[in-house]
N, C-alpha and C. Protein backbone atom coordinates (compact mmCIF):
# COMPACT_ATOMS: atom_id res chain seq x y z
N MET A 1 36.84 2.47 -16.01
CA MET A 1 35.44 2.05 -15.84
C MET A 1 35.20 0.71 -16.21
N ILE A 2 34.33 -0.02 -15.33
CA ILE A 2 33.87 -1.23 -15.59
C ILE A 2 32.76 -1.43 -16.43
N THR A 3 32.71 -2.30 -17.36
CA THR A 3 31.53 -2.51 -18.23
C THR A 3 30.40 -2.92 -17.45
N ARG A 4 29.14 -2.74 -17.97
CA ARG A 4 28.02 -3.03 -17.11
C ARG A 4 27.94 -4.55 -16.94
N THR A 5 28.18 -5.25 -18.05
CA THR A 5 28.07 -6.80 -17.88
C THR A 5 29.04 -7.26 -16.90
N THR A 6 30.34 -6.98 -17.05
CA THR A 6 31.23 -7.21 -15.96
C THR A 6 30.90 -6.96 -14.55
N LEU A 7 30.53 -5.60 -14.46
CA LEU A 7 30.01 -5.09 -13.14
C LEU A 7 28.92 -6.13 -12.53
N LYS A 8 28.00 -6.53 -13.34
CA LYS A 8 27.01 -7.37 -12.87
C LYS A 8 27.63 -8.76 -12.35
N TYR A 9 28.43 -9.27 -12.99
CA TYR A 9 29.27 -10.56 -12.59
C TYR A 9 30.00 -10.35 -11.40
N ILE A 10 30.71 -9.23 -11.21
CA ILE A 10 31.70 -9.09 -10.00
C ILE A 10 30.95 -8.54 -8.80
N THR A 11 29.85 -8.00 -8.95
CA THR A 11 29.15 -7.25 -7.83
C THR A 11 29.12 -8.14 -6.45
N PRO A 12 28.76 -9.55 -6.59
CA PRO A 12 28.71 -10.19 -5.35
C PRO A 12 30.05 -10.44 -4.68
N PHE A 13 30.98 -10.86 -5.56
CA PHE A 13 32.37 -10.92 -5.14
C PHE A 13 32.89 -9.57 -4.58
N LEU A 14 32.87 -8.54 -5.21
CA LEU A 14 33.11 -7.29 -4.69
C LEU A 14 32.48 -6.67 -3.36
N LEU A 15 31.19 -7.03 -3.10
CA LEU A 15 30.61 -6.85 -1.82
C LEU A 15 31.16 -7.74 -0.82
N PHE A 16 31.21 -8.96 -0.98
CA PHE A 16 31.80 -10.01 -0.21
C PHE A 16 33.02 -9.53 0.32
N PHE A 17 33.92 -9.14 -0.53
CA PHE A 17 35.34 -8.58 -0.24
C PHE A 17 35.20 -7.40 0.64
N LEU A 18 34.28 -6.50 0.22
CA LEU A 18 34.19 -5.22 0.95
C LEU A 18 33.63 -5.54 2.28
N PHE A 19 32.69 -6.55 2.52
CA PHE A 19 32.28 -6.92 4.00
C PHE A 19 33.41 -7.38 4.73
N LEU A 20 34.31 -8.15 4.28
CA LEU A 20 35.56 -8.68 5.02
C LEU A 20 36.42 -7.36 5.35
N LEU A 21 36.63 -6.45 4.34
CA LEU A 21 37.49 -5.31 4.44
C LEU A 21 36.85 -4.45 5.57
N ASP A 22 35.51 -4.33 5.58
CA ASP A 22 34.92 -3.45 6.60
C ASP A 22 35.08 -4.07 8.02
N ALA A 23 35.03 -5.43 8.06
CA ALA A 23 35.33 -5.98 9.49
C ALA A 23 36.79 -5.77 10.02
N HIS A 24 37.74 -5.89 9.03
CA HIS A 24 39.22 -5.49 9.42
C HIS A 24 39.43 -4.12 9.70
N ILE A 25 38.83 -3.17 9.04
CA ILE A 25 38.92 -1.65 9.38
C ILE A 25 38.30 -1.42 10.50
N THR A 26 37.19 -1.99 10.83
CA THR A 26 36.45 -1.74 12.29
C THR A 26 37.28 -2.18 13.34
N ARG A 27 37.79 -3.33 13.14
CA ARG A 27 38.69 -3.98 14.33
C ARG A 27 39.97 -3.21 14.38
N ILE A 28 40.60 -2.59 13.28
CA ILE A 28 41.69 -2.02 13.55
C ILE A 28 41.54 -0.58 14.35
N ILE A 29 40.27 -0.03 13.93
CA ILE A 29 39.95 1.39 14.59
C ILE A 29 39.65 1.21 16.19
N ALA A 30 38.98 -0.02 16.25
CA ALA A 30 38.56 -0.26 17.69
C ALA A 30 39.80 -0.54 18.55
N SER A 31 40.79 -1.17 17.94
CA SER A 31 42.12 -1.56 18.53
C SER A 31 43.01 -0.37 18.86
N LEU A 32 42.90 0.67 18.04
CA LEU A 32 43.77 2.05 17.92
C LEU A 32 43.13 2.84 19.13
N THR A 33 41.89 2.64 19.50
CA THR A 33 41.35 3.51 20.53
C THR A 33 41.22 2.52 21.76
N ASP A 34 41.76 1.40 21.76
CA ASP A 34 41.63 0.61 22.99
C ASP A 34 40.11 0.18 23.23
N ASN A 35 39.39 -0.03 22.43
CA ASN A 35 37.94 -0.38 22.35
C ASN A 35 37.14 0.74 23.06
N VAL A 36 37.48 1.84 23.34
CA VAL A 36 36.83 2.89 23.90
C VAL A 36 35.99 3.49 22.81
N TYR A 37 36.15 3.72 21.64
CA TYR A 37 35.43 4.17 20.53
C TYR A 37 35.29 2.94 19.51
N VAL A 38 34.17 2.75 18.83
CA VAL A 38 33.98 1.78 17.81
C VAL A 38 33.45 2.58 16.47
N ALA A 39 34.35 2.47 15.44
CA ALA A 39 33.78 3.14 14.20
C ALA A 39 33.61 1.98 13.35
N ASN A 40 32.48 1.75 13.01
CA ASN A 40 32.02 0.67 12.11
C ASN A 40 32.13 0.90 10.77
N ALA A 41 33.07 0.36 10.05
CA ALA A 41 33.13 0.90 8.50
C ALA A 41 32.06 0.09 7.69
N HIS A 42 31.54 1.04 6.65
CA HIS A 42 30.62 0.63 5.84
C HIS A 42 30.72 0.96 4.46
N LEU A 43 31.99 0.41 4.02
CA LEU A 43 32.29 0.45 2.42
C LEU A 43 31.45 -0.33 1.67
N ALA A 44 30.94 -1.27 2.10
CA ALA A 44 29.98 -1.96 1.26
C ALA A 44 28.72 -1.38 1.06
N LEU A 45 28.18 -0.72 2.07
CA LEU A 45 26.91 0.11 1.88
C LEU A 45 27.17 1.34 0.89
N LEU A 46 28.41 1.83 1.05
CA LEU A 46 28.77 2.85 -0.02
C LEU A 46 28.68 2.39 -1.26
N VAL A 47 29.32 1.28 -1.61
CA VAL A 47 29.39 0.65 -3.03
C VAL A 47 27.79 0.21 -3.38
N LEU A 48 27.12 -0.27 -2.31
CA LEU A 48 25.73 -0.79 -2.70
C LEU A 48 24.98 0.51 -3.20
N LEU A 49 25.26 1.58 -2.43
CA LEU A 49 24.57 2.77 -2.93
C LEU A 49 24.76 3.30 -4.46
N ILE A 50 26.31 3.13 -4.70
CA ILE A 50 26.52 3.43 -6.07
C ILE A 50 25.92 2.56 -7.07
N LEU A 51 26.19 1.21 -6.76
CA LEU A 51 25.71 0.24 -7.72
C LEU A 51 24.20 0.32 -7.88
N SER A 52 23.47 0.79 -6.88
CA SER A 52 21.95 1.00 -7.10
C SER A 52 21.71 1.79 -8.18
N ARG A 53 22.55 2.75 -8.50
CA ARG A 53 22.27 3.69 -9.75
C ARG A 53 22.27 3.03 -11.00
N VAL A 54 23.00 1.95 -11.22
CA VAL A 54 23.12 1.20 -12.64
C VAL A 54 22.77 -0.14 -12.59
N ILE A 55 22.64 -0.82 -11.35
CA ILE A 55 22.30 -2.33 -11.66
C ILE A 55 20.68 -2.60 -11.33
N ASP A 56 20.14 -3.59 -11.89
CA ASP A 56 18.77 -3.81 -11.77
C ASP A 56 18.56 -4.13 -10.46
N GLU A 57 17.39 -3.68 -9.89
CA GLU A 57 16.76 -3.77 -8.53
C GLU A 57 16.70 -5.28 -8.09
N ARG A 58 16.11 -6.07 -8.80
CA ARG A 58 15.93 -7.58 -8.37
C ARG A 58 17.28 -8.20 -8.10
N PHE A 59 18.27 -7.88 -9.07
CA PHE A 59 19.64 -8.55 -8.99
C PHE A 59 20.28 -8.09 -7.77
N LEU A 60 20.21 -6.64 -7.45
CA LEU A 60 20.78 -6.38 -6.22
C LEU A 60 20.14 -6.69 -4.92
N LEU A 61 18.89 -6.75 -5.12
CA LEU A 61 18.01 -7.30 -3.80
C LEU A 61 18.36 -8.66 -3.52
N GLY A 62 18.61 -9.48 -4.53
CA GLY A 62 18.90 -10.95 -4.26
C GLY A 62 20.39 -11.23 -3.73
N THR A 63 21.32 -10.33 -4.31
CA THR A 63 22.66 -10.24 -3.93
C THR A 63 22.82 -9.76 -2.59
N SER A 64 22.05 -8.72 -2.19
CA SER A 64 22.04 -8.33 -0.78
C SER A 64 21.43 -9.37 0.20
N LEU A 65 20.36 -9.90 -0.15
CA LEU A 65 19.75 -10.93 0.55
C LEU A 65 20.78 -12.12 0.99
N PHE A 66 21.39 -12.68 -0.06
CA PHE A 66 22.29 -13.71 -0.03
C PHE A 66 23.47 -13.29 0.85
N LEU A 67 24.15 -12.00 0.62
CA LEU A 67 25.17 -11.50 1.45
C LEU A 67 24.83 -11.36 2.84
N GLY A 68 23.51 -10.86 3.10
CA GLY A 68 23.09 -10.64 4.44
C GLY A 68 22.89 -11.91 5.14
N ILE A 69 22.70 -13.03 4.55
CA ILE A 69 22.59 -14.35 5.08
C ILE A 69 24.14 -14.83 5.55
N LEU A 70 24.97 -14.68 4.67
CA LEU A 70 26.43 -14.73 5.00
C LEU A 70 26.86 -14.13 5.98
N TYR A 71 26.60 -12.78 6.21
CA TYR A 71 26.88 -11.89 7.17
C TYR A 71 26.56 -12.39 8.57
N ASP A 72 25.15 -12.85 8.48
CA ASP A 72 24.36 -13.41 9.70
C ASP A 72 25.17 -14.62 10.30
N LEU A 73 25.48 -15.55 9.26
CA LEU A 73 26.11 -16.71 9.66
C LEU A 73 27.60 -16.45 10.29
N TYR A 74 28.29 -15.51 9.66
CA TYR A 74 29.59 -15.37 10.16
C TYR A 74 29.72 -14.37 11.38
N TYR A 75 28.87 -13.42 11.47
CA TYR A 75 29.19 -12.53 12.54
C TYR A 75 28.37 -12.81 13.91
N ILE A 76 27.10 -13.19 13.65
CA ILE A 76 26.22 -13.43 14.79
C ILE A 76 25.84 -14.83 14.96
N GLY A 77 25.66 -15.53 13.86
CA GLY A 77 25.20 -16.91 13.96
C GLY A 77 23.59 -16.88 14.05
N VAL A 78 22.85 -15.94 13.91
CA VAL A 78 21.29 -16.06 13.84
C VAL A 78 21.06 -15.43 12.37
N ILE A 79 20.40 -16.14 11.69
CA ILE A 79 19.96 -15.78 10.31
C ILE A 79 18.68 -15.09 10.43
N GLY A 80 18.87 -13.67 9.80
CA GLY A 80 17.58 -12.96 9.79
C GLY A 80 17.92 -11.46 9.98
N ILE A 81 18.89 -11.14 10.87
CA ILE A 81 18.93 -9.66 11.29
C ILE A 81 19.65 -8.92 9.97
N TYR A 82 20.74 -9.54 9.49
CA TYR A 82 21.29 -8.68 8.32
C TYR A 82 20.74 -9.09 7.13
N ALA A 83 20.22 -10.19 7.07
CA ALA A 83 19.37 -10.78 6.04
C ALA A 83 18.09 -9.85 5.66
N VAL A 84 17.75 -9.32 6.73
CA VAL A 84 16.50 -8.30 6.51
C VAL A 84 17.07 -6.94 6.22
N ILE A 85 18.17 -6.28 6.99
CA ILE A 85 18.77 -5.06 6.99
C ILE A 85 19.21 -4.69 5.62
N PHE A 86 20.06 -5.56 5.08
CA PHE A 86 20.60 -5.23 3.84
C PHE A 86 19.74 -4.96 2.45
N PRO A 87 18.72 -6.10 2.40
CA PRO A 87 17.67 -5.75 1.20
C PRO A 87 16.91 -4.57 1.67
N LEU A 88 16.46 -4.20 2.92
CA LEU A 88 15.62 -3.13 3.15
C LEU A 88 16.50 -1.76 2.84
N LEU A 89 17.86 -1.79 3.10
CA LEU A 89 18.57 -0.61 2.67
C LEU A 89 18.67 -0.45 1.17
N VAL A 90 18.80 -1.57 0.40
CA VAL A 90 18.83 -1.59 -1.07
C VAL A 90 17.51 -1.07 -1.54
N LEU A 91 16.37 -1.52 -0.93
CA LEU A 91 15.05 -0.78 -1.36
C LEU A 91 14.96 0.61 -1.08
N LEU A 92 15.61 1.10 -0.02
CA LEU A 92 15.56 2.46 0.41
C LEU A 92 16.50 3.16 -0.58
N PHE A 93 17.59 2.59 -1.04
CA PHE A 93 18.39 3.33 -2.23
C PHE A 93 17.68 3.52 -3.43
N TYR A 94 16.87 2.46 -3.77
CA TYR A 94 16.08 2.56 -5.00
C TYR A 94 14.81 3.51 -4.87
N LEU A 95 14.23 3.44 -3.78
CA LEU A 95 13.31 4.41 -3.37
C LEU A 95 13.69 5.83 -3.60
N PHE A 96 14.84 6.05 -2.99
CA PHE A 96 15.42 7.43 -3.12
C PHE A 96 15.82 7.87 -4.55
N LYS A 97 16.32 6.80 -5.20
CA LYS A 97 16.65 6.98 -6.56
C LYS A 97 15.45 7.39 -7.52
N LYS A 98 14.36 6.85 -7.22
CA LYS A 98 13.23 7.15 -7.91
C LYS A 98 12.32 8.69 -7.58
N THR A 99 12.63 8.88 -6.23
CA THR A 99 11.89 10.16 -5.81
C THR A 99 12.74 11.35 -5.66
N ILE A 100 14.04 11.19 -5.55
CA ILE A 100 15.06 12.25 -5.21
C ILE A 100 16.07 12.40 -6.38
N GLN A 101 16.32 13.44 -6.83
CA GLN A 101 17.15 13.84 -7.91
C GLN A 101 18.69 13.39 -7.39
N GLN A 102 19.28 12.50 -8.14
CA GLN A 102 20.63 11.84 -7.56
C GLN A 102 21.71 12.90 -7.85
N ASN A 103 22.34 13.34 -6.85
CA ASN A 103 23.56 14.23 -6.95
C ASN A 103 24.36 14.09 -5.72
N ILE A 104 25.65 14.58 -5.56
CA ILE A 104 26.51 14.31 -4.41
C ILE A 104 25.86 14.49 -3.11
N LEU A 105 25.21 15.74 -3.14
CA LEU A 105 24.55 16.02 -1.77
C LEU A 105 23.41 15.02 -1.26
N THR A 106 22.77 14.53 -2.24
CA THR A 106 21.61 13.43 -1.85
C THR A 106 22.22 12.22 -1.69
N LEU A 107 23.37 12.09 -2.24
CA LEU A 107 24.26 10.70 -2.02
C LEU A 107 24.55 10.73 -0.65
N PHE A 108 25.08 11.83 -0.27
CA PHE A 108 25.68 12.00 0.99
C PHE A 108 24.73 11.83 2.33
N PHE A 109 23.53 12.56 1.93
CA PHE A 109 22.47 12.31 3.05
C PHE A 109 21.90 10.89 3.07
N THR A 110 21.90 10.18 1.94
CA THR A 110 21.50 8.75 1.70
C THR A 110 22.58 8.00 2.45
N ILE A 111 23.73 8.13 2.30
CA ILE A 111 24.67 7.27 3.21
C ILE A 111 24.55 7.59 4.69
N VAL A 112 24.36 8.83 5.20
CA VAL A 112 24.23 9.20 6.54
C VAL A 112 22.99 8.45 6.94
N ILE A 113 21.91 8.46 6.33
CA ILE A 113 20.70 7.94 6.66
C ILE A 113 20.65 6.44 6.79
N SER A 114 21.39 5.89 5.74
CA SER A 114 21.37 4.32 5.73
C SER A 114 22.51 3.76 6.73
N VAL A 115 23.41 4.47 7.16
CA VAL A 115 24.34 3.99 8.01
C VAL A 115 23.72 3.90 9.45
N THR A 116 22.93 5.15 9.73
CA THR A 116 22.22 5.28 10.85
C THR A 116 21.17 4.35 11.07
N LEU A 117 20.47 4.05 9.94
CA LEU A 117 19.33 3.02 10.04
C LEU A 117 19.87 1.68 10.15
N PHE A 118 21.08 1.29 9.47
CA PHE A 118 21.88 0.00 9.76
C PHE A 118 22.03 -0.28 11.16
N GLU A 119 22.71 0.67 11.87
CA GLU A 119 23.22 0.59 13.06
C GLU A 119 21.96 0.58 14.17
N LEU A 120 20.96 1.34 14.02
CA LEU A 120 19.91 1.32 14.87
C LEU A 120 19.03 0.19 14.68
N ILE A 121 18.70 -0.33 13.42
CA ILE A 121 17.99 -1.60 13.25
C ILE A 121 18.57 -2.72 13.61
N SER A 122 19.91 -2.90 13.41
CA SER A 122 20.79 -4.06 13.95
C SER A 122 20.69 -4.14 15.37
N LEU A 123 20.98 -3.03 16.07
CA LEU A 123 20.88 -2.79 17.46
C LEU A 123 19.67 -3.16 18.09
N LEU A 124 18.46 -2.78 17.51
CA LEU A 124 17.11 -3.01 17.86
C LEU A 124 16.71 -4.69 17.69
N LEU A 125 17.09 -5.22 16.65
CA LEU A 125 16.94 -6.51 16.45
C LEU A 125 17.80 -7.48 17.34
N GLN A 126 19.14 -6.97 17.56
CA GLN A 126 19.98 -7.88 18.27
C GLN A 126 19.49 -7.84 19.86
N SER A 127 18.79 -6.71 20.13
CA SER A 127 18.18 -6.52 21.54
C SER A 127 17.05 -7.32 21.59
N VAL A 128 16.21 -7.18 20.66
CA VAL A 128 14.97 -8.25 20.72
C VAL A 128 15.39 -9.55 20.94
N PHE A 129 16.35 -10.00 20.20
CA PHE A 129 16.64 -11.35 20.48
C PHE A 129 17.66 -11.89 21.45
N GLY A 130 18.13 -10.82 22.24
CA GLY A 130 18.80 -11.09 23.46
C GLY A 130 20.42 -11.38 23.15
N LEU A 131 20.80 -10.90 21.99
CA LEU A 131 22.01 -11.01 21.54
C LEU A 131 23.16 -9.84 22.14
N THR A 132 22.40 -8.69 22.55
CA THR A 132 23.30 -7.62 22.94
C THR A 132 22.57 -6.96 24.14
N GLY A 133 23.43 -6.27 24.78
CA GLY A 133 22.70 -5.37 25.84
C GLY A 133 23.47 -4.13 26.08
N ILE A 134 23.62 -3.45 24.92
CA ILE A 134 24.31 -1.99 24.86
C ILE A 134 23.45 -1.06 25.51
N SER A 135 23.97 -0.09 26.21
CA SER A 135 23.14 1.00 26.77
C SER A 135 23.33 2.18 25.92
N GLY A 136 22.34 3.22 26.03
CA GLY A 136 22.13 4.34 25.17
C GLY A 136 23.53 5.27 25.48
N ASP A 137 24.06 5.14 26.83
CA ASP A 137 25.34 5.93 27.09
C ASP A 137 26.50 5.56 26.34
N PHE A 138 26.76 4.31 25.86
CA PHE A 138 27.72 3.81 25.03
C PHE A 138 27.35 3.81 23.53
N PHE A 139 26.08 3.49 23.27
CA PHE A 139 25.84 3.32 21.88
C PHE A 139 26.00 4.83 21.02
N VAL A 140 25.36 5.87 21.54
CA VAL A 140 25.54 6.99 20.49
C VAL A 140 26.74 7.72 20.63
N PRO A 141 27.48 8.02 21.80
CA PRO A 141 28.57 8.71 21.73
C PRO A 141 29.96 7.86 21.33
N ARG A 142 29.79 6.66 21.70
CA ARG A 142 31.05 5.84 21.51
C ARG A 142 30.90 4.88 20.06
N TYR A 143 29.79 4.74 19.80
CA TYR A 143 29.54 3.82 18.55
C TYR A 143 29.10 4.47 17.38
N LEU A 144 27.86 4.92 17.53
CA LEU A 144 26.93 5.54 16.32
C LEU A 144 27.80 6.94 15.85
N GLY A 145 28.24 7.72 16.82
CA GLY A 145 28.95 8.93 16.59
C GLY A 145 30.35 8.77 15.78
N PRO A 146 31.08 8.08 16.21
CA PRO A 146 32.26 7.60 15.47
C PRO A 146 32.00 6.91 14.16
N THR A 147 31.10 6.06 14.11
CA THR A 147 30.71 5.37 12.87
C THR A 147 30.31 6.31 11.78
N LEU A 148 29.38 7.14 12.23
CA LEU A 148 29.09 8.18 11.24
C LEU A 148 30.11 9.11 10.74
N LEU A 149 31.05 9.55 11.65
CA LEU A 149 32.19 10.32 11.32
C LEU A 149 33.07 9.74 10.37
N PHE A 150 33.42 8.43 10.69
CA PHE A 150 34.23 7.67 9.71
C PHE A 150 33.65 7.39 8.38
N ASN A 151 32.32 7.16 8.29
CA ASN A 151 31.63 6.92 7.06
C ASN A 151 31.49 8.12 6.27
N ILE A 152 31.32 9.34 6.88
CA ILE A 152 31.36 10.51 6.22
C ILE A 152 32.53 10.84 5.66
N LEU A 153 33.64 10.71 6.48
CA LEU A 153 34.99 10.81 5.74
C LEU A 153 35.22 9.87 4.79
N THR A 154 34.86 8.69 4.71
CA THR A 154 34.94 7.61 3.85
C THR A 154 34.35 8.05 2.48
N PHE A 155 32.94 8.59 2.74
CA PHE A 155 32.39 9.10 1.59
C PHE A 155 33.00 10.26 0.75
N VAL A 156 33.46 11.15 1.72
CA VAL A 156 34.16 12.33 1.00
C VAL A 156 35.33 12.04 0.23
N ILE A 157 36.03 10.98 0.67
CA ILE A 157 37.27 10.54 0.06
C ILE A 157 37.17 9.68 -1.03
N LEU A 158 36.02 8.71 -1.05
CA LEU A 158 35.88 7.74 -2.16
C LEU A 158 34.79 7.85 -3.04
N ILE A 159 33.88 8.84 -2.90
CA ILE A 159 32.82 8.94 -3.88
C ILE A 159 33.11 9.04 -5.24
N PHE A 160 34.00 10.13 -5.49
CA PHE A 160 34.33 10.54 -6.91
C PHE A 160 35.14 9.27 -7.54
N PRO A 161 36.21 8.73 -6.86
CA PRO A 161 36.77 7.55 -7.45
C PRO A 161 36.12 6.24 -7.76
N LEU A 162 35.05 6.04 -6.56
CA LEU A 162 34.17 4.84 -6.84
C LEU A 162 33.23 5.14 -7.97
N GLU A 163 32.54 6.20 -8.01
CA GLU A 163 31.56 6.52 -9.16
C GLU A 163 32.44 6.42 -10.45
N LYS A 164 33.58 6.87 -10.70
CA LYS A 164 34.07 6.82 -11.96
C LYS A 164 34.48 5.36 -12.31
N ILE A 165 34.89 4.67 -11.44
CA ILE A 165 35.40 3.17 -11.57
C ILE A 165 34.22 2.33 -11.77
N LEU A 166 33.02 2.56 -11.11
CA LEU A 166 31.84 1.52 -11.19
C LEU A 166 30.78 2.05 -12.24
N ILE A 167 30.64 3.38 -12.24
CA ILE A 167 29.48 3.77 -13.16
C ILE A 167 29.98 4.51 -14.39
N GLY A 168 31.03 5.11 -14.39
CA GLY A 168 31.66 5.80 -15.44
C GLY A 168 31.09 7.27 -15.67
N PRO A 169 31.26 7.97 -16.79
CA PRO A 169 30.56 9.20 -17.06
C PRO A 169 29.11 9.08 -17.03
N PRO A 170 28.52 10.31 -16.95
CA PRO A 170 27.04 10.41 -16.63
C PRO A 170 26.24 9.79 -18.05
N GLU A 171 26.84 10.08 -19.36
CA GLU A 171 26.13 9.67 -20.52
C GLU A 171 26.02 8.20 -20.50
N GLU A 172 27.08 7.49 -20.01
CA GLU A 172 26.84 6.04 -20.12
C GLU A 172 26.07 5.25 -19.14
N ASN A 173 25.44 5.98 -18.27
CA ASN A 173 24.65 5.42 -17.21
C ASN A 173 23.39 4.94 -17.65
N LEU A 174 23.47 3.59 -17.94
CA LEU A 174 22.28 2.87 -18.53
C LEU A 174 21.87 1.78 -17.55
N ASP A 175 20.69 1.34 -17.24
CA ASP A 175 20.26 0.32 -16.58
C ASP A 175 20.64 -1.09 -17.23
N LEU A 176 21.14 -2.01 -16.31
CA LEU A 176 21.40 -3.34 -16.93
C LEU A 176 20.14 -4.01 -17.11
């Protein structure tokens, strides 16, 4: 388990590394299917969800805004799309934390909802700015479906190890 103070300092670097890892995993999956199916990995969202349980809301909002700007600059060149999406998802995580009892089942549905919202909002904003022209025939069966399936499997495999590493036993969960 990582101490709370250390966790707060390594969070931006951890999330940055996970964004890079997400891009590589996504590219590998797309190349394995000859770009017929694209499964967008969201390990960073999973870690953001877990970290939202123990890290201060303002700190995580600022971090997600900064990383969203970097994500915008690196992937699409237009600042604003992911700089809006990541803080909105962090706010959603904190809203769910305040209103819903946190357990594995609710975390599972939170990650499904957040991945779906991430993909839909990013597609909508990119379409509004004329950055993409994806049809519904491609988006749902060849992009959103595989993305949700991959992230559900990732959640099932990684939720317990990540919780144990990042937040530790339940009696030690104190806000920073």
